[in-house]
PDB file of N, CA and C in Angstrom:
ATOM      1  N   UNK A   1      10.653  24.362   0.254  1.00  0.00           N
ATOM      2  CA  UNK A   1       9.334  24.436   0.846  1.00  0.00           C
ATOM      3  C   UNK A   1       8.765  23.047   1.058  1.00  0.00           C
ATOM      4  N   UNK A   2       8.523  22.634   2.202  1.00  0.00           N
ATOM      5  CA  UNK A   2       7.785  21.443   2.606  1.00  0.00           C
ATOM      6  C   UNK A   2       8.016  20.189   1.785  1.00  0.00           C
ATOM      7  N   UNK A   3       7.046  19.309   1.835  1.00  0.00           N
ATOM      8  CA  UNK A   3       7.101  18.018   1.162  1.00  0.00           C
ATOM      9  C   UNK A   3       6.959  18.230  -0.334  1.00  0.00           C
ATOM     10  N   UNK A   4       8.034  18.130  -1.067  1.00  0.00           N
ATOM     11  CA  UNK A   4       7.992  18.233  -2.514  1.00  0.00           C
ATOM     12  C   UNK A   4       7.763  19.637  -3.051  1.00  0.00           C
ATOM     13  N   UNK A   5       7.557  20.605  -2.189  1.00  0.00           N
ATOM     14  CA  UNK A   5       7.379  21.983  -2.620  1.00  0.00           C
ATOM     15  C   UNK A   5       6.229  22.189  -3.580  1.00  0.00           C
ATOM     16  N   UNK A   6       5.160  21.439  -3.445  1.00  0.00           N
ATOM     17  CA  UNK A   6       4.029  21.589  -4.345  1.00  0.00           C
ATOM     18  C   UNK A   6       4.175  20.776  -5.615  1.00  0.00           C
ATOM     19  N   UNK A   7       5.184  19.963  -5.703  1.00  0.00           N
ATOM     20  CA  UNK A   7       5.394  19.093  -6.855  1.00  0.00           C
ATOM     21  C   UNK A   7       4.452  17.892  -6.762  1.00  0.00           C
ATOM     22  N   UNK A   8       4.275  17.158  -7.855  1.00  0.00           N
ATOM     23  CA  UNK A   8       3.439  15.960  -7.800  1.00  0.00           C
ATOM     24  C   UNK A   8       3.954  14.936  -6.781  1.00  0.00           C
ATOM     25  N   UNK A   9       5.255  14.970  -6.554  1.00  0.00           N
ATOM     26  CA  UNK A   9       5.837  14.047  -5.585  1.00  0.00           C
ATOM     27  C   UNK A   9       5.259  14.252  -4.184  1.00  0.00           C
ATOM     28  N   UNK A  10       4.766  15.443  -3.903  1.00  0.00           N
ATOM     29  CA  UNK A  10       4.193  15.732  -2.586  1.00  0.00           C
ATOM     30  C   UNK A  10       2.999  14.831  -2.310  1.00  0.00           C
ATOM     31  N   UNK A  11       2.179  14.551  -3.311  1.00  0.00           N
ATOM     32  CA  UNK A  11       1.030  13.666  -3.128  1.00  0.00           C
ATOM     33  C   UNK A  11       1.485  12.240  -2.831  1.00  0.00           C
ATOM     34  N   UNK A  12       2.537  11.797  -3.493  1.00  0.00           N
ATOM     35  CA  UNK A  12       3.068  10.454  -3.262  1.00  0.00           C
ATOM     36  C   UNK A  12       3.635  10.353  -1.847  1.00  0.00           C
ATOM     37  N   UNK A  13       4.431  11.331  -1.468  1.00  0.00           N
ATOM     38  CA  UNK A  13       5.033  11.323  -0.138  1.00  0.00           C
ATOM     39  C   UNK A  13       3.947  11.433   0.938  1.00  0.00           C
ATOM     40  N   UNK A  14       2.964  12.284   0.722  1.00  0.00           N
ATOM     41  CA  UNK A  14       1.871  12.410   1.680  1.00  0.00           C
ATOM     42  C   UNK A  14       1.121  11.105   1.855  1.00  0.00           C
ATOM     43  N   UNK A  15       0.872  10.406   0.758  1.00  0.00           N
ATOM     44  CA  UNK A  15       0.212   9.109   0.831  1.00  0.00           C
ATOM     45  C   UNK A  15       1.049   8.075   1.552  1.00  0.00           C
ATOM     46  N   UNK A  16       2.338   8.058   1.264  1.00  0.00           N
ATOM     47  CA  UNK A  16       3.228   7.102   1.925  1.00  0.00           C
ATOM     48  C   UNK A  16       3.339   7.368   3.428  1.00  0.00           C
ATOM     49  N   UNK A  17       3.378   8.631   3.792  1.00  0.00           N
ATOM     50  CA  UNK A  17       3.416   8.963   5.215  1.00  0.00           C
ATOM     51  C   UNK A  17       2.125   8.499   5.892  1.00  0.00           C
ATOM     52  N   UNK A  18       1.025   8.524   5.157  1.00  0.00           N
ATOM     53  CA  UNK A  18      -0.262   8.127   5.708  1.00  0.00           C
ATOM     54  C   UNK A  18      -0.376   6.659   6.058  1.00  0.00           C
ATOM     55  N   UNK A  19       0.485   5.816   5.520  1.00  0.00           N
ATOM     56  CA  UNK A  19       0.390   4.388   5.841  1.00  0.00           C
ATOM     57  C   UNK A  19       0.965   4.068   7.218  1.00  0.00           C
ATOM     58  N   UNK A  20       1.617   5.018   7.843  1.00  0.00           N
ATOM     59  CA  UNK A  20       2.123   4.801   9.202  1.00  0.00           C
ATOM     60  C   UNK A  20       0.929   4.742  10.144  1.00  0.00           C
ATOM     61  N   UNK A  21       0.816   3.669  10.944  1.00  0.00           N
ATOM     62  CA  UNK A  21      -0.350   3.551  11.825  1.00  0.00           C
ATOM     63  C   UNK A  21      -0.388   4.637  12.897  1.00  0.00           C
ATOM     64  N   UNK A  22      -1.574   4.965  13.331  1.00  0.00           N
ATOM     65  CA  UNK A  22      -1.747   5.946  14.392  1.00  0.00           C
ATOM     66  C   UNK A  22      -2.165   7.297  13.842  1.00  0.00           C
ATOM     67  N   UNK A  23      -2.843   8.060  14.695  1.00  0.00           N
ATOM     68  CA  UNK A  23      -3.364   9.352  14.248  1.00  0.00           C
ATOM     69  C   UNK A  23      -2.351  10.485  14.421  1.00  0.00           C
ATOM     70  N   UNK A  24      -1.318  10.265  15.197  1.00  0.00           N
ATOM     71  CA  UNK A  24      -0.333  11.315  15.460  1.00  0.00           C
ATOM     72  C   UNK A  24       0.359  11.811  14.215  1.00  0.00           C
ATOM     73  N   UNK A  25       0.597  10.919  13.280  1.00  0.00           N
ATOM     74  CA  UNK A  25       1.262  11.296  12.034  1.00  0.00           C
ATOM     75  C   UNK A  25       0.394  12.285  11.255  1.00  0.00           C
ATOM     76  N   UNK A  26      -0.903  12.006  11.188  1.00  0.00           N
ATOM     77  CA  UNK A  26      -1.793  12.906  10.462  1.00  0.00           C
ATOM     78  C   UNK A  26      -1.897  14.262  11.157  1.00  0.00           C
ATOM     79  N   UNK A  27      -1.889  14.252  12.470  1.00  0.00           N
ATOM     80  CA  UNK A  27      -1.901  15.522  13.215  1.00  0.00           C
ATOM     81  C   UNK A  27      -0.666  16.342  12.839  1.00  0.00           C
ATOM     82  N   UNK A  28       0.459  15.679  12.701  1.00  0.00           N
ATOM     83  CA  UNK A  28       1.681  16.368  12.298  1.00  0.00           C
ATOM     84  C   UNK A  28       1.596  16.943  10.897  1.00  0.00           C
ATOM     85  N   UNK A  29       1.001  16.193   9.969  1.00  0.00           N
ATOM     86  CA  UNK A  29       0.854  16.673   8.594  1.00  0.00           C
ATOM     87  C   UNK A  29      -0.113  17.856   8.540  1.00  0.00           C
ATOM     88  N   UNK A  30      -1.202  17.782   9.296  1.00  0.00           N
ATOM     89  CA  UNK A  30      -2.156  18.896   9.332  1.00  0.00           C
ATOM     90  C   UNK A  30      -1.489  20.144   9.903  1.00  0.00           C
ATOM     91  N   UNK A  31      -0.705  19.967  10.941  1.00  0.00           N
ATOM     92  CA  UNK A  31       0.017  21.095  11.539  1.00  0.00           C
ATOM     93  C   UNK A  31       1.000  21.697  10.534  1.00  0.00           C
ATOM     94  N   UNK A  32       1.720  20.826   9.824  1.00  0.00           N
ATOM     95  CA  UNK A  32       2.667  21.311   8.811  1.00  0.00           C
ATOM     96  C   UNK A  32       1.935  22.049   7.693  1.00  0.00           C
ATOM     97  N   UNK A  33       0.755  21.558   7.307  1.00  0.00           N
ATOM     98  CA  UNK A  33      -0.036  22.250   6.290  1.00  0.00           C
ATOM     99  C   UNK A  33      -0.481  23.623   6.792  1.00  0.00           C
ATOM    100  N   UNK A  34      -0.940  23.671   8.032  1.00  0.00           N
ATOM    101  CA  UNK A  34      -1.401  24.940   8.607  1.00  0.00           C
ATOM    102  C   UNK A  34      -0.278  25.968   8.672  1.00  0.00           C
ATOM    103  N   UNK A  35       0.948  25.498   8.802  1.00  0.00           N
ATOM    104  CA  UNK A  35       2.105  26.397   8.855  1.00  0.00           C
ATOM    105  C   UNK A  35       2.676  26.679   7.469  1.00  0.00           C
ATOM    106  N   UNK A  36       2.073  26.103   6.429  1.00  0.00           N
ATOM    107  CA  UNK A  36       2.518  26.360   5.062  1.00  0.00           C
ATOM    108  C   UNK A  36       3.686  25.516   4.609  1.00  0.00           C
ATOM    109  N   UNK A  37       4.025  24.475   5.364  1.00  0.00           N
ATOM    110  CA  UNK A  37       5.182  23.647   5.024  1.00  0.00           C
ATOM    111  C   UNK A  37       4.826  22.485   4.104  1.00  0.00           C
ATOM    112  N   UNK A  38       3.539  22.181   3.981  1.00  0.00           N
ATOM    113  CA  UNK A  38       3.087  21.038   3.189  1.00  0.00           C
ATOM    114  C   UNK A  38       1.959  21.514   2.264  1.00  0.00           C
ATOM    115  N   UNK A  39       2.011  21.155   0.983  1.00  0.00           N
ATOM    116  CA  UNK A  39       0.934  21.569   0.067  1.00  0.00           C
ATOM    117  C   UNK A  39      -0.347  20.766   0.308  1.00  0.00           C
ATOM    118  N   UNK A  40      -1.446  21.291  -0.169  1.00  0.00           N
ATOM    119  CA  UNK A  40      -2.748  20.655   0.046  1.00  0.00           C
ATOM    120  C   UNK A  40      -2.819  19.278  -0.619  1.00  0.00           C
ATOM    121  N   UNK A  41      -2.086  19.069  -1.695  1.00  0.00           N
ATOM    122  CA  UNK A  41      -2.104  17.747  -2.347  1.00  0.00           C
ATOM    123  C   UNK A  41      -1.555  16.668  -1.416  1.00  0.00           C
ATOM    124  N   UNK A  42      -0.531  16.991  -0.659  1.00  0.00           N
ATOM    125  CA  UNK A  42       0.024  16.038   0.306  1.00  0.00           C
ATOM    126  C   UNK A  42      -0.941  15.818   1.463  1.00  0.00           C
ATOM    127  N   UNK A  43      -1.621  16.878   1.890  1.00  0.00           N
ATOM    128  CA  UNK A  43      -2.594  16.763   2.973  1.00  0.00           C
ATOM    129  C   UNK A  43      -3.743  15.848   2.575  1.00  0.00           C
ATOM    130  N   UNK A  44      -4.263  16.019   1.364  1.00  0.00           N
ATOM    131  CA  UNK A  44      -5.374  15.197   0.888  1.00  0.00           C
ATOM    132  C   UNK A  44      -4.949  13.736   0.782  1.00  0.00           C
ATOM    133  N   UNK A  45      -3.805  13.479   0.179  1.00  0.00           N
ATOM    134  CA  UNK A  45      -3.319  12.101   0.043  1.00  0.00           C
ATOM    135  C   UNK A  45      -3.102  11.466   1.407  1.00  0.00           C
ATOM    136  N   UNK A  46      -2.550  12.225   2.340  1.00  0.00           N
ATOM    137  CA  UNK A  46      -2.319  11.701   3.679  1.00  0.00           C
ATOM    138  C   UNK A  46      -3.628  11.397   4.389  1.00  0.00           C
ATOM    139  N   UNK A  47      -4.601  12.277   4.264  1.00  0.00           N
ATOM    140  CA  UNK A  47      -5.888  12.078   4.940  1.00  0.00           C
ATOM    141  C   UNK A  47      -6.598  10.832   4.430  1.00  0.00           C
ATOM    142  N   UNK A  48      -6.501  10.565   3.143  1.00  0.00           N
ATOM    143  CA  UNK A  48      -7.189   9.409   2.577  1.00  0.00           C
ATOM    144  C   UNK A  48      -6.468   8.105   2.917  1.00  0.00           C
ATOM    145  N   UNK A  49      -5.152   8.111   2.896  1.00  0.00           N
ATOM    146  CA  UNK A  49      -4.410   6.873   3.151  1.00  0.00           C
ATOM    147  C   UNK A  49      -4.253   6.568   4.640  1.00  0.00           C
ATOM    148  N   UNK A  50      -4.551   7.517   5.493  1.00  0.00           N
ATOM    149  CA  UNK A  50      -4.383   7.354   6.938  1.00  0.00           C
ATOM    150  C   UNK A  50      -5.454   6.427   7.517  1.00  0.00           C
ATOM    151  N   UNK A  51      -5.019   5.317   8.129  1.00  0.00           N
ATOM    152  CA  UNK A  51      -5.944   4.374   8.748  1.00  0.00           C
ATOM    153  C   UNK A  51      -6.116   4.647  10.241  1.00  0.00           C
ATOM    154  N   UNK A  52      -5.313   5.534  10.778  1.00  0.00           N
ATOM    155  CA  UNK A  52      -5.450   5.920  12.178  1.00  0.00           C
ATOM    156  C   UNK A  52      -5.141   4.795  13.145  1.00  0.00           C
ATOM    157  N   UNK A  53      -5.734   4.886  14.323  1.00  0.00           N
ATOM    158  CA  UNK A  53      -5.473   3.908  15.379  1.00  0.00           C
ATOM    159  C   UNK A  53      -6.139   2.564  15.105  1.00  0.00           C
ATOM    160  N   UNK A  54      -7.109   2.518  14.206  1.00  0.00           N
ATOM    161  CA  UNK A  54      -7.768   1.258  13.877  1.00  0.00           C
ATOM    162  C   UNK A  54      -6.784   0.251  13.294  1.00  0.00           C
ATOM    163  N   UNK A  55      -5.740   0.752  12.646  1.00  0.00           N
ATOM    164  CA  UNK A  55      -4.764  -0.154  12.050  1.00  0.00           C
ATOM    165  C   UNK A  55      -4.007  -0.943  13.113  1.00  0.00           C
ATOM    166  N   UNK A  56      -3.813  -0.375  14.300  1.00  0.00           N
ATOM    167  CA  UNK A  56      -3.153  -1.113  15.382  1.00  0.00           C
ATOM    168  C   UNK A  56      -3.956  -2.352  15.754  1.00  0.00           C
ATOM    169  N   UNK A  57      -5.271  -2.187  15.896  1.00  0.00           N
ATOM    170  CA  UNK A  57      -6.127  -3.327  16.244  1.00  0.00           C
ATOM    171  C   UNK A  57      -6.136  -4.360  15.128  1.00  0.00           C
ATOM    172  N   UNK A  58      -6.188  -3.900  13.889  1.00  0.00           N
ATOM    173  CA  UNK A  58      -6.187  -4.830  12.766  1.00  0.00           C
ATOM    174  C   UNK A  58      -4.857  -5.560  12.661  1.00  0.00           C
ATOM    175  N   UNK A  59      -3.756  -4.868  12.934  1.00  0.00           N
ATOM    176  CA  UNK A  59      -2.446  -5.525  12.932  1.00  0.00           C
ATOM    177  C   UNK A  59      -2.392  -6.637  13.973  1.00  0.00           C
ATOM    178  N   UNK A  60      -2.990  -6.392  15.129  1.00  0.00           N
ATOM    179  CA  UNK A  60      -2.996  -7.402  16.190  1.00  0.00           C
ATOM    180  C   UNK A  60      -3.894  -8.579  15.825  1.00  0.00           C
ATOM    181  N   UNK A  61      -5.014  -8.300  15.170  1.00  0.00           N
ATOM    182  CA  UNK A  61      -5.971  -9.354  14.846  1.00  0.00           C
ATOM    183  C   UNK A  61      -5.571 -10.146  13.602  1.00  0.00           C
ATOM    184  N   UNK A  62      -5.137  -9.453  12.569  1.00  0.00           N
ATOM    185  CA  UNK A  62      -4.828 -10.111  11.300  1.00  0.00           C
ATOM    186  C   UNK A  62      -3.833  -9.259  10.518  1.00  0.00           C
ATOM    187  N   UNK A  63      -2.578  -9.604  10.631  1.00  0.00           N
ATOM    188  CA  UNK A  63      -1.516  -8.822  10.003  1.00  0.00           C
ATOM    189  C   UNK A  63      -1.676  -8.748   8.477  1.00  0.00           C
ATOM    190  N   UNK A  64      -2.077  -9.840   7.856  1.00  0.00           N
ATOM    191  CA  UNK A  64      -2.244  -9.859   6.407  1.00  0.00           C
ATOM    192  C   UNK A  64      -3.353  -8.898   5.975  1.00  0.00           C
ATOM    193  N   UNK A  65      -4.458  -8.919   6.679  1.00  0.00           N
ATOM    194  CA  UNK A  65      -5.567  -8.010   6.349  1.00  0.00           C
ATOM    195  C   UNK A  65      -5.147  -6.555   6.521  1.00  0.00           C
ATOM    196  N   UNK A  66      -4.323  -6.278   7.516  1.00  0.00           N
ATOM    197  CA  UNK A  66      -3.844  -4.910   7.733  1.00  0.00           C
ATOM    198  C   UNK A  66      -2.987  -4.443   6.568  1.00  0.00           C
ATOM    199  N   UNK A  67      -2.122  -5.315   6.082  1.00  0.00           N
ATOM    200  CA  UNK A  67      -1.270  -4.954   4.943  1.00  0.00           C
ATOM    201  C   UNK A  67      -2.119  -4.759   3.690  1.00  0.00           C
ATOM    202  N   UNK A  68      -3.085  -5.641   3.469  1.00  0.00           N
ATOM    203  CA  UNK A  68      -3.957  -5.534   2.296  1.00  0.00           C
ATOM    204  C   UNK A  68      -4.773  -4.240   2.356  1.00  0.00           C
ATOM    205  N   UNK A  69      -5.318  -3.925   3.517  1.00  0.00           N
ATOM    206  CA  UNK A  69      -6.110  -2.696   3.662  1.00  0.00           C
ATOM    207  C   UNK A  69      -5.256  -1.467   3.372  1.00  0.00           C
ATOM    208  N   UNK A  70      -4.024  -1.489   3.838  1.00  0.00           N
ATOM    209  CA  UNK A  70      -3.116  -0.363   3.606  1.00  0.00           C
ATOM    210  C   UNK A  70      -2.773  -0.245   2.124  1.00  0.00           C
ATOM    211  N   UNK A  71      -2.541  -1.373   1.483  1.00  0.00           N
ATOM    212  CA  UNK A  71      -2.225  -1.359   0.049  1.00  0.00           C
ATOM    213  C   UNK A  71      -3.420  -0.856  -0.757  1.00  0.00           C
ATOM    214  N   UNK A  72      -4.629  -1.228  -0.361  1.00  0.00           N
ATOM    215  CA  UNK A  72      -5.824  -0.783  -1.073  1.00  0.00           C
ATOM    216  C   UNK A  72      -6.091   0.715  -0.901  1.00  0.00           C
ATOM    217  N   UNK A  73      -5.705   1.273   0.215  1.00  0.00           N
ATOM    218  CA  UNK A  73      -6.004   2.694   0.454  1.00  0.00           C
ATOM    219  C   UNK A  73      -4.969   3.630  -0.166  1.00  0.00           C
ATOM    220  N   UNK A  74      -3.773   3.142  -0.441  1.00  0.00           N
ATOM    221  CA  UNK A  74      -2.711   4.024  -0.930  1.00  0.00           C
ATOM    222  C   UNK A  74      -2.926   4.530  -2.362  1.00  0.00           C
ATOM    223  N   UNK A  75      -3.215   3.689  -3.355  1.00  0.00           N
ATOM    224  CA  UNK A  75      -3.371   4.224  -4.721  1.00  0.00           C
ATOM    225  C   UNK A  75      -4.477   5.277  -4.868  1.00  0.00           C
ATOM    226  N   UNK A  76      -5.677   5.065  -4.298  1.00  0.00           N
ATOM    227  CA  UNK A  76      -6.688   6.129  -4.423  1.00  0.00           C
ATOM    228  C   UNK A  76      -6.266   7.414  -3.717  1.00  0.00           C
ATOM    229  N   UNK A  77      -5.536   7.283  -2.626  1.00  0.00           N
ATOM    230  CA  UNK A  77      -5.071   8.466  -1.898  1.00  0.00           C
ATOM    231  C   UNK A  77      -4.102   9.268  -2.752  1.00  0.00           C
ATOM    232  N   UNK A  78      -3.151   8.586  -3.364  1.00  0.00           N
ATOM    233  CA  UNK A  78      -2.170   9.271  -4.210  1.00  0.00           C
ATOM    234  C   UNK A  78      -2.854   9.877  -5.432  1.00  0.00           C
ATOM    235  N   UNK A  79      -3.786   9.141  -6.025  1.00  0.00           N
ATOM    236  CA  UNK A  79      -4.509   9.682  -7.185  1.00  0.00           C
ATOM    237  C   UNK A  79      -5.302  10.930  -6.822  1.00  0.00           C
ATOM    238  N   UNK A  80      -5.957  10.917  -5.672  1.00  0.00           N
ATOM    239  CA  UNK A  80      -6.717  12.099  -5.235  1.00  0.00           C
ATOM    240  C   UNK A  80      -5.774  13.273  -4.996  1.00  0.00           C
ATOM    241  N   UNK A  81      -4.618  13.001  -4.386  1.00  0.00           N
ATOM    242  CA  UNK A  81      -3.632  14.060  -4.181  1.00  0.00           C
ATOM    243  C   UNK A  81      -3.134  14.638  -5.489  1.00  0.00           C
ATOM    244  N   UNK A  82      -2.945  13.779  -6.477  1.00  0.00           N
ATOM    245  CA  UNK A  82      -2.489  14.260  -7.793  1.00  0.00           C
ATOM    246  C   UNK A  82      -3.575  15.070  -8.488  1.00  0.00           C
ATOM    247  N   UNK A  83      -4.821  14.676  -8.321  1.00  0.00           N
ATOM    248  CA  UNK A  83      -5.918  15.461  -8.906  1.00  0.00           C
ATOM    249  C   UNK A  83      -5.959  16.843  -8.264  1.00  0.00           C
ATOM    250  N   UNK A  84      -5.830  16.890  -6.959  1.00  0.00           N
ATOM    251  CA  UNK A  84      -5.821  18.186  -6.252  1.00  0.00           C
ATOM    252  C   UNK A  84      -4.638  19.022  -6.725  1.00  0.00           C
ATOM    253  N   UNK A  85      -3.488  18.406  -6.902  1.00  0.00           N
ATOM    254  CA  UNK A  85      -2.305  19.123  -7.380  1.00  0.00           C
ATOM    255  C   UNK A  85      -2.546  19.677  -8.785  1.00  0.00           C
ATOM    256  N   UNK A  86      -3.200  18.882  -9.652  1.00  0.00           N
ATOM    257  CA  UNK A  86      -3.407  19.292 -11.037  1.00  0.00           C
ATOM    258  C   UNK A  86      -4.438  20.400 -11.177  1.00  0.00           C
ATOM    259  N   UNK A  87      -5.353  20.461 -10.239  1.00  0.00           N
ATOM    260  CA  UNK A  87      -6.418  21.469 -10.308  1.00  0.00           C
ATOM    261  C   UNK A  87      -5.860  22.724  -9.734  1.00  0.00           C
TER     262      UNK A  87
END
């Protein structure tokens, strides 16, 4: 079943998938969740870590800032996904 099958790893994988720039990735995760292929913990982690299309502009303007912003958003996203999984 889906990303990690509802395991805690699903939140980690969802967060990691969220660091990919662009909104299309999140649309795919939401679609997979709607079809029952991804647990809600992965959806939450992905939604929080997803920087969307803004990351493309930041990458063009300042690559270092883009990497730092992505690194800062990943741990809280994974933690939120794990909290959702635990509840």
